[in-house]
Amino acid sequence: MLGQLHLCVITDPTLAPGRDHVAIAEAALAGGADMIQLRDKTGTLRELLPQARAIQARCRAHGALFIVNDRVDLALAADADGAHVGQEDLPAANARRLLGPRRLLGVSTHSLVQAEAAQQVGANYIGFGPMFATGTKETGYTPRGLDALREIRKVVALPILAIGGISLSNVAEVISAGATAPAVISAVVGTADITATAAAFRQRVVAAKARG
């Protein structure tokens, strides 16, 4: 299923006043997102577990994947499909051991060296970025751009979720450069109609893949 992804939406309630992780996920799934990633750096396991379990149930109903960012303990407790770790989080090799062979492991990468390392330790997919300038998440890395994505695609066989500054106006270019799907936060979650925006993203990704 990873190779057939069209849209990953990363939840962030600070961008959607009045909505929690579950409400954001529901709206994104209704628009055609086929992966939801719960990202919350401040909530406790006790606070987030009910929401994570609810999202997992909704993802299964929609045939979508549910991934937890950083928190391997939360991913396991909620029976999520997997976890995603960054370069400053739990090392990918340790995350793989905790998750076991059945669950998915995604790894954020910002260079070819990091992408190859993620592949070697057993990642199922990589995130790559930031593609363009973004104000949603401070990564400490300058925008990587389309040429860097093309180089990664030549070497890494894993599915690639491109992230960072991706919008409706540039998502087709990202797919054409080799991304399997975009992973978006503010471009979907920060809009007035999450469902409609998610649907628009999916349509553009599908069209870009059809063009080859």
Protein backbone atom coordinates (compact mmCIF):
# COMPACT_ATOMS: atom_id res chain seq x y z
CA MET A 1 0.00 0.00 0.00
CA LEU A 2 2.88 2.39 0.71
CA GLY A 3 3.85 2.53 -2.93
CA GLN A 4 0.30 3.50 -3.86
CA LEU A 5 -0.07 6.40 -1.43
CA HIS A 6 -1.48 9.69 -2.67
CA LEU A 7 -1.68 11.92 0.40
CA CYS A 8 -0.39 11.91 3.96
CA VAL A 9 -1.93 14.49 6.27
CA ILE A 10 -0.13 15.32 9.51
CA THR A 11 -2.42 16.44 12.30
CA ASP A 12 -1.72 19.67 14.16
CA PRO A 13 -4.61 21.11 16.23
CA THR A 14 -2.79 24.42 16.69
CA LEU A 15 -3.51 25.10 13.01
CA ALA A 16 -7.19 24.17 13.25
CA PRO A 17 -8.82 25.95 16.20
CA GLY A 18 -11.71 23.99 17.62
CA ARG A 19 -10.57 20.66 16.18
CA ASP A 20 -8.58 17.93 17.89
CA HIS A 21 -6.46 15.27 16.21
CA VAL A 22 -9.48 13.05 15.63
CA ALA A 23 -11.57 15.75 13.96
CA ILE A 24 -8.68 16.72 11.69
CA ALA A 25 -8.12 13.10 10.74
CA GLU A 26 -11.81 12.54 10.01
CA ALA A 27 -11.95 15.57 7.72
CA ALA A 28 -8.76 14.58 5.89
CA LEU A 29 -9.90 10.98 5.43
CA ALA A 30 -13.20 12.21 4.01
CA GLY A 31 -11.18 14.10 1.41
CA GLY A 32 -9.17 11.04 0.38
CA ALA A 33 -6.06 11.09 2.55
CA ASP A 34 -4.69 7.55 2.67
CA MET A 35 -2.23 8.12 5.50
CA ILE A 36 -2.75 10.05 8.71
CA GLN A 37 0.21 10.91 10.90
CA LEU A 38 -0.49 12.07 14.44
CA ARG A 39 2.10 14.63 15.47
CA ASP A 40 2.02 16.04 19.00
CA LYS A 41 5.21 16.95 20.85
CA THR A 42 3.56 18.10 24.09
CA GLY A 43 0.69 15.76 24.94
CA THR A 44 1.18 12.91 27.39
CA LEU A 45 0.59 9.28 26.52
CA ARG A 46 -2.52 9.26 28.71
CA GLU A 47 -3.90 12.34 26.93
CA LEU A 48 -3.16 11.20 23.41
CA LEU A 49 -3.98 7.50 23.61
CA PRO A 50 -7.79 7.84 23.30
CA GLN A 51 -7.38 10.08 20.26
CA ALA A 52 -4.80 7.77 18.70
CA ARG A 53 -7.08 4.76 19.13
CA ALA A 54 -9.99 6.68 17.61
CA ILE A 55 -7.89 7.72 14.61
CA GLN A 56 -6.70 4.16 14.08
CA ALA A 57 -10.31 2.94 14.00
CA ARG A 58 -11.26 5.59 11.47
CA CYS A 59 -8.22 4.87 9.31
CA ARG A 60 -9.08 1.20 9.19
CA ALA A 61 -12.63 2.03 8.18
CA HIS A 62 -11.27 4.11 5.30
CA GLY A 63 -8.54 1.67 4.31
CA ALA A 64 -5.90 4.22 5.26
CA LEU A 65 -2.67 3.92 7.25
CA PHE A 66 -2.19 5.44 10.69
CA ILE A 67 1.31 6.50 11.76
CA VAL A 68 2.42 8.15 15.00
CA ASN A 69 5.18 10.73 14.81
CA ASP A 70 8.13 10.15 17.15
CA ARG A 71 6.16 8.40 19.92
CA VAL A 72 6.82 4.69 19.45
CA ASP A 73 5.18 3.99 22.81
CA LEU A 74 1.98 5.67 21.64
CA ALA A 75 2.09 3.84 18.31
CA LEU A 76 2.31 0.50 20.09
CA ALA A 77 -0.33 1.32 22.70
CA ALA A 78 -2.79 2.49 20.03
CA ASP A 79 -2.04 -0.45 17.71
CA ALA A 80 -1.06 2.02 15.00
CA ASP A 81 0.29 0.78 11.69
CA GLY A 82 3.66 2.24 12.54
CA ALA A 83 5.76 5.15 13.73
CA HIS A 84 7.79 7.90 12.10
CA VAL A 85 11.02 9.21 13.60
CA GLY A 86 13.20 12.21 12.78
CA GLN A 87 16.95 12.63 12.88
CA GLU A 88 16.73 14.04 16.42
CA ASP A 89 14.24 11.46 17.72
CA LEU A 90 14.74 7.86 18.80
CA PRO A 91 17.35 6.36 16.43
CA ALA A 92 15.71 4.49 13.58
CA ALA A 93 17.47 1.23 14.42
CA ASN A 94 16.08 1.33 17.96
CA ALA A 95 12.63 2.25 16.68
CA ARG A 96 12.71 -0.72 14.31
CA ARG A 97 13.56 -3.10 17.16
CA LEU A 98 10.71 -1.76 19.30
CA LEU A 99 8.18 -1.81 16.48
CA GLY A 100 9.10 -5.30 15.34
CA PRO A 101 8.87 -6.52 11.75
CA ARG A 102 5.10 -6.15 11.35
CA ARG A 103 4.73 -2.40 11.86
CA LEU A 104 5.86 0.32 9.51
CA LEU A 105 8.81 2.60 10.17
CA GLY A 106 9.20 5.96 8.49
CA VAL A 107 12.30 8.12 8.85
CA SER A 108 12.70 11.82 8.14
CA THR A 109 15.72 12.48 5.94
CA HIS A 110 17.34 15.62 4.58
CA SER A 111 20.20 14.24 2.51
CA LEU A 112 21.21 11.26 0.40
CA VAL A 113 23.41 9.94 3.21
CA GLN A 114 20.52 10.00 5.66
CA ALA A 115 18.18 8.40 3.14
CA GLU A 116 20.58 5.54 2.46
CA ALA A 117 21.09 5.03 6.21
CA ALA A 118 17.34 4.85 6.78
CA GLN A 119 17.02 2.24 4.07
CA GLN A 120 19.82 0.18 5.60
CA VAL A 121 18.26 0.03 9.08
CA GLY A 122 14.93 -1.21 7.81
CA ALA A 123 12.76 1.83 7.18
CA ASN A 124 9.66 1.10 5.10
CA TYR A 125 9.54 4.62 3.70
CA ILE A 126 11.36 7.91 4.09
CA GLY A 127 10.22 11.47 4.46
CA PHE A 128 12.38 13.91 2.51
CA GLY A 129 12.53 17.66 2.87
CA PRO A 130 11.98 20.39 3.47
CA MET A 131 11.22 20.62 -0.22
CA PHE A 132 10.52 24.34 -0.13
CA ALA A 133 10.51 27.09 2.49
CA THR A 134 8.01 26.37 5.25
CA GLY A 135 6.93 28.08 8.44
CA THR A 136 5.11 25.09 9.93
CA LYS A 137 8.08 23.22 11.33
CA GLU A 138 11.61 24.43 12.00
CA THR A 139 13.90 21.67 10.72
CA GLY A 140 17.22 23.47 10.77
CA TYR A 141 17.68 22.56 7.12
CA THR A 142 17.48 24.81 4.08
CA PRO A 143 15.00 23.84 1.35
CA ARG A 144 16.21 20.77 -0.51
CA GLY A 145 14.44 21.41 -3.81
CA LEU A 146 13.37 19.21 -6.70
CA ASP A 147 16.86 18.34 -7.94
CA ALA A 148 17.79 16.84 -4.57
CA LEU A 149 14.59 14.79 -4.62
CA ARG A 150 15.46 13.48 -8.08
CA GLU A 151 18.88 12.36 -6.82
CA ILE A 152 17.33 10.56 -3.85
CA ARG A 153 14.85 8.82 -6.15
CA LYS A 154 17.68 7.45 -8.30
CA VAL A 155 19.34 5.76 -5.34
CA VAL A 156 16.64 4.91 -2.80
CA ALA A 157 14.09 2.24 -3.66
CA LEU A 158 11.77 3.05 -0.75
CA PRO A 159 8.57 5.09 -1.08
CA ILE A 160 9.32 8.78 -0.55
CA LEU A 161 6.96 11.18 1.19
CA ALA A 162 8.04 14.71 0.32
CA ILE A 163 7.38 17.36 2.95
CA GLY A 164 7.86 21.07 3.52
CA GLY A 165 6.24 23.95 1.72
CA ILE A 166 4.20 21.71 -0.59
CA SER A 167 1.07 23.36 -1.96
CA LEU A 168 -1.57 22.75 -4.59
CA SER A 169 0.49 24.83 -6.99
CA ASN A 170 3.67 22.76 -6.73
CA VAL A 171 2.57 19.26 -5.69
CA ALA A 172 2.51 18.00 -9.30
CA GLU A 173 6.17 18.99 -9.70
CA VAL A 174 7.05 17.11 -6.53
CA ILE A 175 5.39 13.94 -7.80
CA SER A 176 7.07 14.29 -11.19
CA ALA A 177 10.45 14.62 -9.45
CA GLY A 178 10.02 11.24 -7.80
CA ALA A 179 7.95 11.56 -4.64
CA THR A 180 5.44 8.82 -3.95
CA ALA A 181 3.14 11.27 -2.18
CA PRO A 182 3.20 14.58 -0.34
CA ALA A 183 3.05 14.81 3.44
CA VAL A 184 1.31 18.05 4.29
CA ILE A 185 0.45 19.95 7.44
CA SER A 186 -0.61 23.59 7.11
CA ALA A 187 -1.55 23.35 3.42
CA VAL A 188 -4.46 21.12 4.45
CA VAL A 189 -4.94 21.42 8.21
CA GLY A 190 -4.71 25.20 8.19
CA THR A 191 -7.50 25.66 5.64
CA ALA A 192 -11.16 26.43 6.26
CA ASP A 193 -12.30 23.23 4.53
CA ILE A 194 -9.89 20.40 5.29
CA THR A 195 -11.93 17.83 3.37
CA ALA A 196 -12.14 19.87 0.17
CA THR A 197 -8.45 20.77 0.29
CA ALA A 198 -7.42 17.15 0.89
CA ALA A 199 -9.56 16.12 -2.07
CA ALA A 200 -7.92 18.75 -4.26
CA PHE A 201 -4.45 17.52 -3.27
CA ARG A 202 -5.36 13.92 -4.01
CA GLN A 203 -6.78 14.84 -7.41
CA ARG A 204 -3.59 16.66 -8.39
CA VAL A 205 -1.40 13.79 -7.23
CA VAL A 206 -3.49 11.26 -9.17
CA ALA A 207 -3.33 13.45 -12.28
CA ALA A 208 0.45 13.90 -11.96
CA LYS A 209 0.99 10.14 -11.63
CA ALA A 210 -1.24 9.50 -14.64
CA ARG A 211 0.94 11.81 -16.71
CA GLY A 212 3.96 9.81 -15.66
